[in-house]
N, C-alpha and C. Protein backbone atom coordinates (compact mmCIF):
# COMPACT_ATOMS: atom_id res chain seq x y z
N MET A 1 -82.71 27.87 -29.12
CA MET A 1 -82.00 26.74 -29.89
C MET A 1 -82.00 27.17 -31.37
N SER A 2 -80.77 27.04 -32.16
CA SER A 2 -80.88 27.29 -33.63
C SER A 2 -81.44 25.96 -34.30
N LEU A 3 -81.69 26.04 -35.48
CA LEU A 3 -82.23 25.06 -36.35
C LEU A 3 -81.29 23.84 -36.42
N ILE A 4 -79.98 24.29 -36.68
CA ILE A 4 -78.94 23.40 -36.83
C ILE A 4 -78.73 22.50 -35.49
N SER A 5 -78.79 23.15 -34.38
CA SER A 5 -78.61 22.48 -33.06
C SER A 5 -79.65 21.54 -32.93
N PHE A 6 -80.96 22.03 -33.18
CA PHE A 6 -82.20 21.17 -33.02
C PHE A 6 -82.03 19.81 -33.96
N LEU A 7 -81.55 20.00 -35.13
CA LEU A 7 -81.25 18.84 -35.92
C LEU A 7 -80.28 17.92 -35.44
N ASP A 8 -79.20 18.50 -34.83
CA ASP A 8 -78.20 17.85 -34.30
C ASP A 8 -78.58 16.88 -33.07
N TYR A 9 -79.42 17.44 -32.33
CA TYR A 9 -79.88 17.05 -30.91
C TYR A 9 -80.87 15.78 -31.35
N ALA A 10 -81.76 16.05 -32.49
CA ALA A 10 -82.59 15.07 -32.84
C ALA A 10 -81.99 13.70 -33.60
N SER A 11 -80.99 14.02 -34.39
CA SER A 11 -80.40 13.04 -35.02
C SER A 11 -79.51 12.28 -33.95
N VAL A 12 -78.92 12.72 -33.07
CA VAL A 12 -78.18 12.19 -31.97
C VAL A 12 -79.01 11.26 -31.19
N PHE A 13 -80.19 11.75 -30.83
CA PHE A 13 -81.07 10.89 -29.93
C PHE A 13 -81.62 9.78 -30.86
N VAL A 14 -81.94 9.89 -32.16
CA VAL A 14 -82.52 8.77 -32.78
C VAL A 14 -81.34 7.83 -33.26
N PHE A 15 -80.31 8.26 -33.63
CA PHE A 15 -79.11 7.46 -33.97
C PHE A 15 -78.70 6.67 -32.67
N ALA A 16 -78.74 7.22 -31.41
CA ALA A 16 -78.40 6.70 -30.33
C ALA A 16 -79.52 5.48 -30.00
N LEU A 17 -80.62 5.51 -30.25
CA LEU A 17 -81.53 4.59 -30.16
C LEU A 17 -81.19 3.38 -30.97
N THR A 18 -80.86 3.82 -32.27
CA THR A 18 -80.55 2.50 -33.08
C THR A 18 -79.28 1.93 -32.70
N GLY A 19 -78.18 2.65 -32.12
CA GLY A 19 -77.15 2.24 -31.72
C GLY A 19 -77.36 1.05 -30.66
N ALA A 20 -78.32 1.47 -29.62
CA ALA A 20 -78.65 0.85 -28.39
C ALA A 20 -79.34 -0.43 -28.91
N LEU A 21 -80.21 -0.31 -29.86
CA LEU A 21 -80.84 -1.44 -30.34
C LEU A 21 -80.08 -2.51 -30.93
N VAL A 22 -78.95 -2.11 -31.54
CA VAL A 22 -77.97 -2.99 -32.12
C VAL A 22 -77.09 -3.63 -30.82
N ALA A 23 -76.90 -2.82 -29.84
CA ALA A 23 -76.24 -3.33 -28.63
C ALA A 23 -77.06 -4.42 -27.97
N SER A 24 -78.48 -4.36 -28.01
CA SER A 24 -79.46 -5.20 -27.36
C SER A 24 -79.31 -6.38 -28.25
N ARG A 25 -79.18 -6.42 -29.63
CA ARG A 25 -79.13 -7.68 -30.30
C ARG A 25 -77.88 -8.49 -30.02
N GLN A 26 -76.71 -7.67 -29.51
CA GLN A 26 -75.67 -8.39 -29.23
C GLN A 26 -75.43 -8.64 -27.76
N GLN A 27 -76.41 -8.44 -27.03
CA GLN A 27 -76.67 -8.76 -25.67
C GLN A 27 -75.44 -8.29 -24.79
N LEU A 28 -75.24 -6.88 -25.09
CA LEU A 28 -74.11 -6.15 -24.30
C LEU A 28 -74.56 -5.76 -23.01
N ASP A 29 -73.58 -5.36 -22.17
CA ASP A 29 -74.10 -4.79 -20.82
C ASP A 29 -74.23 -3.23 -21.10
N ILE A 30 -74.69 -2.49 -19.90
CA ILE A 30 -75.00 -1.14 -19.97
C ILE A 30 -73.96 -0.36 -20.40
N VAL A 31 -72.78 -0.58 -20.25
CA VAL A 31 -71.51 0.31 -20.65
C VAL A 31 -71.56 0.02 -22.24
N GLY A 32 -71.67 -1.10 -22.61
CA GLY A 32 -71.65 -1.57 -23.96
C GLY A 32 -72.72 -0.73 -24.83
N PHE A 33 -73.97 -0.64 -24.15
CA PHE A 33 -75.11 0.11 -24.91
C PHE A 33 -74.64 1.55 -24.92
N ALA A 34 -74.19 2.21 -23.86
CA ALA A 34 -73.81 3.55 -23.91
C ALA A 34 -72.75 3.91 -24.99
N PHE A 35 -71.60 2.97 -24.92
CA PHE A 35 -70.57 3.17 -25.87
C PHE A 35 -71.26 3.08 -27.31
N VAL A 36 -71.83 1.97 -27.70
CA VAL A 36 -72.33 1.91 -28.99
C VAL A 36 -73.27 3.06 -29.35
N ALA A 37 -74.08 3.37 -28.59
CA ALA A 37 -75.12 4.52 -28.71
C ALA A 37 -74.30 5.78 -29.09
N CYS A 38 -73.42 6.11 -28.33
CA CYS A 38 -72.62 7.34 -28.42
C CYS A 38 -71.87 7.15 -29.85
N LEU A 39 -71.33 6.15 -30.08
CA LEU A 39 -70.61 5.96 -31.21
C LEU A 39 -71.45 6.26 -32.44
N THR A 40 -72.55 5.78 -32.52
CA THR A 40 -73.39 5.78 -33.57
C THR A 40 -74.09 7.27 -33.65
N ALA A 41 -74.16 7.76 -32.42
CA ALA A 41 -75.01 9.13 -32.39
C ALA A 41 -74.08 10.29 -32.76
N VAL A 42 -72.82 10.22 -32.57
CA VAL A 42 -71.96 11.38 -32.80
C VAL A 42 -70.96 11.29 -33.83
N GLY A 43 -70.83 9.75 -34.40
CA GLY A 43 -69.61 9.62 -35.26
C GLY A 43 -69.76 10.40 -36.51
N GLY A 44 -70.87 10.29 -37.26
CA GLY A 44 -71.04 11.22 -38.42
C GLY A 44 -71.04 12.70 -38.27
N GLY A 45 -71.36 13.19 -37.20
CA GLY A 45 -71.21 14.78 -37.02
C GLY A 45 -69.76 14.88 -36.60
N THR A 46 -69.01 14.05 -35.84
CA THR A 46 -67.55 14.28 -35.66
C THR A 46 -66.83 14.13 -36.80
N VAL A 47 -67.02 13.33 -37.78
CA VAL A 47 -66.30 13.17 -39.03
C VAL A 47 -66.52 14.61 -39.70
N ARG A 48 -67.68 14.83 -39.73
CA ARG A 48 -68.26 16.11 -40.67
C ARG A 48 -67.46 17.40 -39.91
N ASP A 49 -67.38 17.50 -38.60
CA ASP A 49 -66.75 18.59 -38.10
C ASP A 49 -65.31 18.71 -38.30
N VAL A 50 -64.62 17.50 -38.21
CA VAL A 50 -63.18 17.38 -38.46
C VAL A 50 -62.93 17.67 -39.89
N LEU A 51 -63.70 17.40 -40.79
CA LEU A 51 -63.47 17.67 -42.37
C LEU A 51 -63.67 19.17 -42.62
N LEU A 52 -64.53 19.76 -41.94
CA LEU A 52 -64.90 21.14 -42.06
C LEU A 52 -63.98 22.08 -41.19
N ASP A 53 -63.14 21.48 -40.34
CA ASP A 53 -62.31 22.29 -39.35
C ASP A 53 -63.17 23.09 -38.43
N ARG A 54 -64.34 22.43 -37.94
CA ARG A 54 -65.11 23.30 -36.93
C ARG A 54 -64.51 22.87 -35.55
N ASN A 55 -64.15 23.98 -34.99
CA ASN A 55 -63.57 23.99 -33.57
C ASN A 55 -64.23 24.70 -32.69
N PRO A 56 -64.62 24.08 -31.58
CA PRO A 56 -64.39 22.66 -31.09
C PRO A 56 -65.65 21.72 -31.78
N ILE A 57 -65.45 20.55 -31.92
CA ILE A 57 -66.48 19.63 -32.58
C ILE A 57 -67.71 19.79 -31.67
N PHE A 58 -68.99 19.51 -32.42
CA PHE A 58 -70.04 19.93 -31.72
C PHE A 58 -70.32 19.43 -30.36
N TRP A 59 -69.93 18.05 -30.10
CA TRP A 59 -70.25 17.50 -28.87
C TRP A 59 -69.40 17.75 -27.79
N ILE A 60 -68.17 18.29 -28.08
CA ILE A 60 -67.19 18.85 -27.33
C ILE A 60 -67.54 20.38 -26.76
N ALA A 61 -68.02 21.02 -27.76
CA ALA A 61 -68.61 22.34 -27.41
C ALA A 61 -69.89 22.26 -26.56
N GLN A 62 -70.59 21.35 -26.67
CA GLN A 62 -71.96 21.11 -25.94
C GLN A 62 -71.95 19.68 -25.48
N PRO A 63 -71.31 19.25 -24.24
CA PRO A 63 -71.51 17.78 -23.92
C PRO A 63 -72.87 17.22 -23.78
N THR A 64 -73.87 18.09 -23.59
CA THR A 64 -75.11 17.63 -23.46
C THR A 64 -75.59 16.53 -24.40
N TYR A 65 -74.97 16.65 -25.69
CA TYR A 65 -75.16 15.70 -26.74
C TYR A 65 -74.76 14.36 -26.23
N ILE A 66 -73.84 14.07 -25.48
CA ILE A 66 -73.35 12.83 -25.02
C ILE A 66 -74.37 12.39 -23.94
N GLY A 67 -74.86 13.40 -23.11
CA GLY A 67 -75.83 12.95 -22.34
C GLY A 67 -77.15 12.41 -22.78
N VAL A 68 -77.55 13.07 -23.93
CA VAL A 68 -78.77 12.61 -24.64
C VAL A 68 -78.63 11.24 -25.23
N ALA A 69 -77.37 10.81 -25.88
CA ALA A 69 -77.04 9.65 -26.41
C ALA A 69 -77.09 8.60 -25.17
N CYS A 70 -76.46 8.83 -24.05
CA CYS A 70 -76.47 8.03 -23.04
C CYS A 70 -78.04 7.87 -22.37
N GLY A 71 -78.77 8.74 -22.22
CA GLY A 71 -79.94 8.64 -21.99
C GLY A 71 -80.73 7.75 -22.83
N ALA A 72 -80.58 7.88 -24.21
CA ALA A 72 -81.21 7.06 -25.21
C ALA A 72 -80.83 5.60 -25.00
N ALA A 73 -79.52 5.33 -24.63
CA ALA A 73 -79.06 4.03 -24.34
C ALA A 73 -79.61 3.20 -23.31
N LEU A 74 -79.87 4.21 -22.08
CA LEU A 74 -80.63 3.50 -20.97
C LEU A 74 -82.05 3.28 -21.29
N LEU A 75 -82.66 4.17 -21.91
CA LEU A 75 -84.04 3.87 -22.29
C LEU A 75 -84.31 2.51 -23.01
N VAL A 76 -83.29 2.35 -23.93
CA VAL A 76 -83.42 0.96 -24.79
C VAL A 76 -82.86 -0.34 -23.93
N PHE A 77 -82.00 0.05 -23.09
CA PHE A 77 -81.65 -1.01 -22.17
C PHE A 77 -82.76 -1.59 -21.30
N LEU A 78 -83.66 -0.68 -20.82
CA LEU A 78 -84.81 -0.90 -20.02
C LEU A 78 -86.07 -1.56 -20.82
N THR A 79 -86.09 -1.17 -22.08
CA THR A 79 -87.24 -1.39 -22.82
C THR A 79 -87.07 -2.60 -24.01
N ALA A 80 -85.80 -2.68 -24.33
CA ALA A 80 -85.57 -3.47 -25.62
C ALA A 80 -86.36 -4.75 -25.70
N HIS A 81 -86.55 -5.42 -24.50
CA HIS A 81 -87.34 -6.68 -24.56
C HIS A 81 -88.68 -6.61 -24.91
N LEU A 82 -89.23 -5.25 -24.96
CA LEU A 82 -90.53 -5.07 -25.36
C LEU A 82 -90.91 -5.24 -26.91
N PHE A 83 -89.77 -5.17 -27.68
CA PHE A 83 -89.89 -5.17 -29.06
C PHE A 83 -89.89 -6.69 -29.54
N GLU A 84 -90.93 -7.03 -30.16
CA GLU A 84 -91.05 -8.47 -30.89
C GLU A 84 -89.82 -8.52 -31.91
N SER A 85 -89.65 -7.61 -32.69
CA SER A 85 -88.61 -7.67 -33.82
C SER A 85 -87.84 -6.50 -33.56
N ARG A 86 -86.69 -6.66 -33.00
CA ARG A 86 -85.63 -5.61 -32.71
C ARG A 86 -85.10 -5.23 -34.31
N LEU A 87 -84.82 -6.19 -35.06
CA LEU A 87 -84.30 -5.77 -36.27
C LEU A 87 -85.18 -4.92 -37.06
N LYS A 88 -86.41 -5.15 -37.25
CA LYS A 88 -87.53 -4.38 -37.94
C LYS A 88 -87.57 -3.00 -37.33
N THR A 89 -87.53 -2.89 -36.09
CA THR A 89 -87.68 -1.63 -35.32
C THR A 89 -86.32 -0.71 -35.57
N LEU A 90 -85.26 -1.64 -35.56
CA LEU A 90 -83.90 -0.92 -35.72
C LEU A 90 -83.79 -0.33 -37.32
N ILE A 91 -84.38 -0.99 -38.15
CA ILE A 91 -84.09 -0.61 -39.54
C ILE A 91 -84.96 0.68 -39.80
N TRP A 92 -86.32 0.66 -39.24
CA TRP A 92 -87.05 1.86 -39.38
C TRP A 92 -86.72 3.09 -38.60
N LEU A 93 -86.16 2.71 -37.45
CA LEU A 93 -85.73 3.95 -36.55
C LEU A 93 -84.46 4.62 -37.29
N ASP A 94 -83.60 3.78 -38.05
CA ASP A 94 -82.46 4.01 -38.67
C ASP A 94 -82.83 4.98 -39.89
N SER A 95 -83.96 4.69 -40.46
CA SER A 95 -84.35 5.45 -41.65
C SER A 95 -84.87 6.82 -41.29
N PHE A 96 -85.48 7.07 -39.89
CA PHE A 96 -85.92 8.25 -39.50
C PHE A 96 -84.53 9.00 -39.12
N ALA A 97 -83.63 8.52 -38.46
CA ALA A 97 -82.43 8.88 -38.03
C ALA A 97 -81.67 9.56 -39.25
N LEU A 98 -81.59 8.73 -40.25
CA LEU A 98 -81.01 9.32 -41.60
C LEU A 98 -81.63 10.53 -42.02
N ALA A 99 -82.85 10.65 -42.25
CA ALA A 99 -83.75 11.57 -42.46
C ALA A 99 -83.59 13.04 -41.69
N VAL A 100 -83.05 12.75 -40.51
CA VAL A 100 -82.69 14.06 -39.62
C VAL A 100 -81.20 14.28 -39.64
N ALA A 101 -80.37 13.28 -39.80
CA ALA A 101 -78.88 13.51 -39.78
C ALA A 101 -78.51 14.15 -40.99
N VAL A 102 -79.00 13.78 -42.23
CA VAL A 102 -78.57 14.41 -43.39
C VAL A 102 -78.87 15.90 -43.56
N PRO A 103 -80.06 16.29 -43.14
CA PRO A 103 -80.30 17.90 -43.17
C PRO A 103 -79.39 18.44 -42.14
N ALA A 104 -79.16 17.81 -40.95
CA ALA A 104 -78.19 18.48 -39.94
C ALA A 104 -76.82 18.79 -40.67
N GLY A 105 -76.26 17.78 -41.38
CA GLY A 105 -74.98 17.78 -41.84
C GLY A 105 -74.94 18.97 -43.04
N THR A 106 -76.13 18.77 -43.79
CA THR A 106 -76.29 19.72 -45.05
C THR A 106 -76.33 21.00 -44.44
N GLY A 107 -77.07 21.23 -43.44
CA GLY A 107 -77.29 22.69 -42.92
C GLY A 107 -76.03 23.32 -42.39
N VAL A 108 -75.24 22.50 -41.68
CA VAL A 108 -73.85 23.07 -41.14
C VAL A 108 -73.02 23.56 -42.27
N ALA A 109 -72.98 22.73 -43.53
CA ALA A 109 -72.04 23.13 -44.51
C ALA A 109 -72.69 24.28 -45.39
N LEU A 110 -74.00 24.36 -45.38
CA LEU A 110 -74.62 25.66 -45.94
C LEU A 110 -74.38 26.83 -45.20
N ALA A 111 -74.45 26.63 -43.79
CA ALA A 111 -74.26 27.83 -42.95
C ALA A 111 -72.74 28.36 -43.09
N LEU A 112 -71.93 27.47 -43.46
CA LEU A 112 -70.50 27.86 -43.68
C LEU A 112 -70.14 28.20 -45.14
N ASP A 113 -71.19 28.35 -45.88
CA ASP A 113 -71.12 28.87 -47.25
C ASP A 113 -70.11 27.76 -48.13
N GLN A 114 -70.22 26.63 -47.90
CA GLN A 114 -69.36 25.74 -48.72
C GLN A 114 -70.08 25.50 -50.01
N PRO A 115 -69.06 24.96 -50.96
CA PRO A 115 -69.35 24.68 -52.31
C PRO A 115 -70.64 23.65 -52.27
N ILE A 116 -71.19 23.47 -53.48
CA ILE A 116 -72.26 22.59 -53.29
C ILE A 116 -71.89 21.12 -53.32
N LEU A 117 -70.70 20.59 -53.84
CA LEU A 117 -70.20 19.40 -53.70
C LEU A 117 -69.78 19.09 -52.26
N VAL A 118 -69.27 20.01 -51.51
CA VAL A 118 -68.82 19.83 -50.20
C VAL A 118 -70.24 19.71 -49.31
N VAL A 119 -71.10 20.50 -49.52
CA VAL A 119 -72.44 20.45 -49.00
C VAL A 119 -73.02 19.08 -48.99
N VAL A 120 -73.07 18.42 -50.11
CA VAL A 120 -73.67 17.33 -50.45
C VAL A 120 -72.86 16.13 -49.71
N LEU A 121 -71.50 16.28 -49.85
CA LEU A 121 -70.72 15.29 -49.07
C LEU A 121 -70.84 15.22 -47.56
N MET A 122 -70.98 16.38 -46.97
CA MET A 122 -71.15 16.58 -45.62
C MET A 122 -72.43 16.07 -45.15
N GLY A 123 -73.49 16.34 -46.00
CA GLY A 123 -74.80 15.87 -45.60
C GLY A 123 -74.76 14.31 -45.63
N THR A 124 -74.13 13.83 -46.49
CA THR A 124 -74.14 12.19 -46.74
C THR A 124 -73.32 11.64 -45.58
N ILE A 125 -72.07 12.16 -45.33
CA ILE A 125 -71.18 11.62 -44.39
C ILE A 125 -71.98 11.74 -42.98
N THR A 126 -72.50 12.92 -42.57
CA THR A 126 -73.13 13.06 -41.37
C THR A 126 -74.24 11.94 -41.28
N GLY A 127 -74.97 11.62 -42.34
CA GLY A 127 -76.08 10.56 -42.32
C GLY A 127 -75.68 9.26 -42.13
N CYS A 128 -74.24 8.84 -42.71
CA CYS A 128 -74.03 7.56 -42.95
C CYS A 128 -72.93 6.99 -42.08
N MET A 129 -71.96 7.92 -41.57
CA MET A 129 -70.76 7.53 -41.01
C MET A 129 -70.95 6.97 -39.61
N GLY A 130 -71.87 7.35 -38.94
CA GLY A 130 -72.20 6.82 -37.61
C GLY A 130 -72.76 5.42 -37.50
N GLY A 131 -73.57 5.13 -38.40
CA GLY A 131 -73.93 3.77 -38.53
C GLY A 131 -73.01 2.75 -39.26
N LEU A 132 -72.13 3.35 -40.03
CA LEU A 132 -71.04 2.46 -40.60
C LEU A 132 -70.08 1.98 -39.46
N LEU A 133 -69.48 3.21 -38.67
CA LEU A 133 -68.84 2.95 -37.49
C LEU A 133 -69.51 1.93 -36.52
N ARG A 134 -70.63 2.10 -36.09
CA ARG A 134 -71.26 1.22 -35.41
C ARG A 134 -71.33 -0.29 -35.92
N ASP A 135 -71.44 -0.56 -37.05
CA ASP A 135 -71.52 -2.06 -37.52
C ASP A 135 -70.03 -2.61 -37.84
N VAL A 136 -69.14 -1.75 -38.05
CA VAL A 136 -67.83 -2.18 -38.16
C VAL A 136 -67.44 -2.50 -36.73
N VAL A 137 -67.68 -1.64 -35.83
CA VAL A 137 -67.08 -2.08 -34.39
C VAL A 137 -67.84 -3.44 -33.92
N LEU A 138 -68.98 -3.55 -34.26
CA LEU A 138 -69.71 -4.93 -33.80
C LEU A 138 -69.48 -6.02 -34.87
N ASP A 139 -68.56 -5.92 -35.87
CA ASP A 139 -68.42 -6.94 -36.67
C ASP A 139 -69.59 -7.33 -37.46
N ASP A 140 -70.35 -6.31 -37.94
CA ASP A 140 -71.70 -6.71 -38.64
C ASP A 140 -71.44 -6.14 -40.03
N VAL A 141 -72.23 -6.72 -41.09
CA VAL A 141 -72.16 -6.14 -42.33
C VAL A 141 -72.85 -4.86 -42.26
N PRO A 142 -72.04 -3.65 -42.58
CA PRO A 142 -72.41 -2.40 -42.68
C PRO A 142 -73.92 -2.12 -43.24
N LEU A 143 -74.79 -1.84 -42.67
CA LEU A 143 -76.11 -1.42 -43.20
C LEU A 143 -76.28 -0.60 -44.50
N VAL A 144 -75.21 0.46 -44.47
CA VAL A 144 -75.05 1.20 -45.51
C VAL A 144 -74.50 0.80 -46.82
N LEU A 145 -73.90 -0.50 -46.72
CA LEU A 145 -73.30 -1.19 -47.75
C LEU A 145 -74.08 -2.24 -48.28
N LYS A 146 -75.23 -2.70 -47.66
CA LYS A 146 -75.89 -3.96 -47.91
C LYS A 146 -76.43 -3.85 -49.43
N GLN A 147 -76.24 -5.04 -50.08
CA GLN A 147 -76.56 -5.03 -51.63
C GLN A 147 -77.83 -4.24 -52.06
N GLY A 148 -77.65 -3.42 -52.95
CA GLY A 148 -78.73 -2.62 -53.60
C GLY A 148 -79.45 -1.72 -52.69
N GLU A 149 -79.23 -1.62 -51.37
CA GLU A 149 -79.95 -0.81 -50.36
C GLU A 149 -79.87 0.80 -50.76
N LEU A 150 -80.90 1.27 -50.69
CA LEU A 150 -80.96 2.75 -50.98
C LEU A 150 -80.74 3.56 -49.55
N TYR A 151 -79.43 3.60 -49.26
CA TYR A 151 -79.17 4.15 -47.94
C TYR A 151 -78.19 5.56 -48.30
N VAL A 152 -76.88 5.04 -48.75
CA VAL A 152 -76.14 6.25 -49.08
C VAL A 152 -76.73 6.99 -50.42
N THR A 153 -77.42 6.31 -51.09
CA THR A 153 -78.07 6.95 -52.35
C THR A 153 -79.22 8.09 -51.80
N ALA A 154 -79.97 7.56 -50.78
CA ALA A 154 -80.91 8.46 -50.20
C ALA A 154 -80.42 9.61 -49.60
N ALA A 155 -79.19 9.41 -48.81
CA ALA A 155 -78.54 10.53 -48.29
C ALA A 155 -78.16 11.43 -49.25
N PHE A 156 -77.34 10.95 -50.34
CA PHE A 156 -76.73 11.78 -51.38
C PHE A 156 -77.98 12.63 -52.16
N ALA A 157 -79.10 11.94 -52.32
CA ALA A 157 -80.23 12.68 -53.00
C ALA A 157 -80.75 13.68 -52.27
N GLY A 158 -80.88 13.38 -50.83
CA GLY A 158 -81.45 14.35 -50.03
C GLY A 158 -80.63 15.75 -49.85
N ALA A 159 -79.24 15.53 -49.63
CA ALA A 159 -78.47 16.55 -49.51
C ALA A 159 -78.11 17.30 -50.83
N THR A 160 -78.27 16.47 -51.85
CA THR A 160 -78.28 17.35 -53.15
C THR A 160 -79.28 18.17 -53.52
N ALA A 161 -80.49 17.67 -53.11
CA ALA A 161 -81.87 18.43 -53.28
C ALA A 161 -81.79 19.72 -52.47
N ALA A 162 -81.29 19.53 -51.13
CA ALA A 162 -81.14 20.77 -50.32
C ALA A 162 -80.17 21.83 -50.91
N ALA A 163 -78.97 21.38 -51.47
CA ALA A 163 -77.98 22.22 -51.98
C ALA A 163 -78.46 23.07 -53.30
N PHE A 164 -79.32 22.35 -54.02
CA PHE A 164 -79.80 23.17 -55.28
C PHE A 164 -81.01 24.04 -54.89
N ALA A 165 -81.69 23.60 -53.87
CA ALA A 165 -82.98 24.31 -53.55
C ALA A 165 -82.60 25.54 -52.78
N ARG A 166 -81.53 25.53 -51.81
CA ARG A 166 -81.18 26.70 -51.04
C ARG A 166 -81.26 28.09 -51.46
N PRO A 167 -80.65 28.31 -52.78
CA PRO A 167 -80.61 29.68 -53.19
C PRO A 167 -81.96 30.32 -53.54
N TYR A 168 -83.03 29.37 -53.75
CA TYR A 168 -84.18 29.95 -53.89
C TYR A 168 -85.32 30.35 -52.74
N PHE A 169 -84.67 30.16 -51.64
CA PHE A 169 -85.17 30.52 -50.23
C PHE A 169 -84.57 31.46 -49.44
N ALA A 170 -85.13 32.42 -48.78
CA ALA A 170 -84.54 33.23 -47.92
C ALA A 170 -84.02 32.59 -46.79
N ASP A 171 -84.75 31.52 -46.30
CA ASP A 171 -84.49 30.95 -44.91
C ASP A 171 -84.06 29.40 -45.46
N PRO A 172 -83.09 28.87 -44.51
CA PRO A 172 -82.80 27.41 -44.81
C PRO A 172 -83.84 26.33 -44.72
N LEU A 173 -84.85 26.71 -43.90
CA LEU A 173 -85.80 25.62 -43.50
C LEU A 173 -86.52 24.97 -44.61
N PRO A 174 -86.84 25.72 -45.55
CA PRO A 174 -87.66 24.84 -46.59
C PRO A 174 -86.71 23.78 -47.38
N ALA A 175 -85.47 24.37 -47.73
CA ALA A 175 -84.33 23.53 -48.26
C ALA A 175 -83.94 22.21 -47.31
N LEU A 176 -84.12 22.54 -46.06
CA LEU A 176 -83.69 21.24 -45.21
C LEU A 176 -84.98 20.42 -45.07
N VAL A 177 -86.22 20.90 -44.96
CA VAL A 177 -87.48 20.10 -45.10
C VAL A 177 -87.24 19.23 -46.27
N LEU A 178 -87.00 19.81 -47.34
CA LEU A 178 -86.94 18.95 -48.70
C LEU A 178 -85.80 18.01 -48.49
N CYS A 179 -84.69 18.19 -47.98
CA CYS A 179 -83.75 17.27 -47.79
C CYS A 179 -84.22 16.16 -46.93
N ALA A 180 -84.80 16.52 -45.77
CA ALA A 180 -85.51 15.30 -44.97
C ALA A 180 -86.32 14.42 -45.85
N SER A 181 -87.16 15.12 -46.47
CA SER A 181 -88.37 14.45 -47.33
C SER A 181 -87.87 13.56 -48.31
N VAL A 182 -86.77 13.96 -49.03
CA VAL A 182 -86.36 13.22 -50.18
C VAL A 182 -85.61 12.07 -49.63
N THR A 183 -84.92 12.42 -48.54
CA THR A 183 -84.00 11.29 -48.00
C THR A 183 -84.83 10.11 -47.31
N TRP A 184 -85.94 10.47 -46.66
CA TRP A 184 -86.72 9.41 -46.01
C TRP A 184 -87.63 8.73 -47.08
N ALA A 185 -88.00 9.51 -48.05
CA ALA A 185 -88.90 8.91 -49.12
C ALA A 185 -88.15 7.72 -49.83
N LEU A 186 -87.00 8.16 -50.07
CA LEU A 186 -86.28 6.96 -50.88
C LEU A 186 -85.81 5.71 -49.90
N ARG A 187 -85.46 6.14 -48.80
CA ARG A 187 -85.14 5.06 -47.75
C ARG A 187 -86.41 4.32 -47.39
N ALA A 188 -87.46 4.93 -47.16
CA ALA A 188 -88.68 4.24 -46.75
C ALA A 188 -89.09 3.41 -48.12
N GLY A 189 -89.00 3.85 -49.15
CA GLY A 189 -89.36 3.11 -50.35
C GLY A 189 -88.78 2.06 -50.58
N SER A 190 -87.38 2.08 -50.22
CA SER A 190 -86.46 0.81 -50.21
C SER A 190 -86.93 -0.36 -49.29
N LEU A 191 -87.15 0.25 -48.19
CA LEU A 191 -87.74 -0.69 -47.11
C LEU A 191 -89.00 -1.36 -47.44
N ALA A 192 -89.94 -0.33 -47.79
CA ALA A 192 -91.46 -0.83 -47.86
C ALA A 192 -91.73 -1.66 -49.15
N PHE A 193 -91.03 -1.06 -50.33
CA PHE A 193 -91.33 -1.47 -51.53
C PHE A 193 -90.05 -2.18 -52.38
N GLY A 194 -89.15 -2.36 -51.63
CA GLY A 194 -88.08 -3.13 -52.28
C GLY A 194 -87.37 -2.43 -53.30
N TRP A 195 -87.25 -1.05 -53.26
CA TRP A 195 -86.50 -0.35 -54.29
C TRP A 195 -84.98 -0.60 -54.01
N ARG A 196 -84.42 -0.92 -55.16
CA ARG A 196 -82.92 -1.27 -55.13
C ARG A 196 -82.16 -0.68 -56.25
N LEU A 197 -80.96 -0.60 -56.04
CA LEU A 197 -80.06 -0.16 -57.13
C LEU A 197 -79.50 -1.50 -57.80
N PRO A 198 -79.28 -1.41 -59.04
CA PRO A 198 -78.51 -2.73 -59.53
C PRO A 198 -77.36 -3.13 -59.01
N ALA A 199 -77.11 -4.29 -58.65
CA ALA A 199 -76.07 -4.67 -58.15
C ALA A 199 -75.09 -5.58 -59.11
N TYR A 200 -73.77 -5.37 -58.93
CA TYR A 200 -72.87 -6.15 -59.94
C TYR A 200 -73.10 -7.79 -59.51
N LYS A 201 -73.18 -8.55 -60.71
CA LYS A 201 -73.06 -9.95 -60.50
C LYS A 201 -71.87 -10.51 -61.44
N SER A 202 -71.08 -11.25 -60.83
CA SER A 202 -69.90 -11.76 -61.74
C SER A 202 -70.40 -12.67 -62.71
N ARG A 203 -69.67 -12.61 -63.72
CA ARG A 203 -69.95 -13.54 -64.83
C ARG A 203 -68.92 -14.51 -65.31
N PRO A 204 -69.11 -15.81 -65.64
CA PRO A 204 -67.93 -16.51 -66.01
C PRO A 204 -67.14 -15.90 -67.28
N PRO A 205 -65.77 -15.95 -67.09
CA PRO A 205 -64.98 -15.43 -68.18
C PRO A 205 -65.38 -16.05 -69.58
N ARG A 206 -65.24 -15.35 -70.60
CA ARG A 206 -65.54 -15.72 -71.82
C ARG A 206 -64.45 -16.71 -72.48
N VAL A 207 -64.61 -17.76 -73.05
CA VAL A 207 -63.59 -18.56 -73.58
C VAL A 207 -63.22 -18.14 -74.85
């Protein structure tokens, strides 16, 4: 298994867990669990592959990705009641998923010798789009857009770090490890220490 395939499988599994946990909070049936898990798991990678014109799309080329996502959905369906705080579990799981998905998307773009800007955008899209689709479908405020959250920022910073570090290494692994580390450090810092970006606050018009 290649490094990129491993990262894709890991991100699919963990993002599927987060999607299924959201489904448990919505009290969906097993089909709903599977649908939301799959949407979350492959949404970002699908958008990435469409934009990069990769044919076939990764989960069509290897349908076992869908099997992994459905397996994660079943696991959560059977065990979600064991978690005292599903929201807290969801948010932390999502941070780990982000730290895996961003290197996966970044690695694909690097392997295709894309320009730095495209590499950064593909890493960011792969990490953020699945969760965005999940929250929109379930009529929830998208986690990636919540006020001041370091989510898209964390993904962007991680992908940028990898894109600029890659030329200094013969192997892509160190750059992708750096990507995962930067992404998770910023996201975890936001969750644990309340790191935030300044948010716009409206002011009354001057008379």
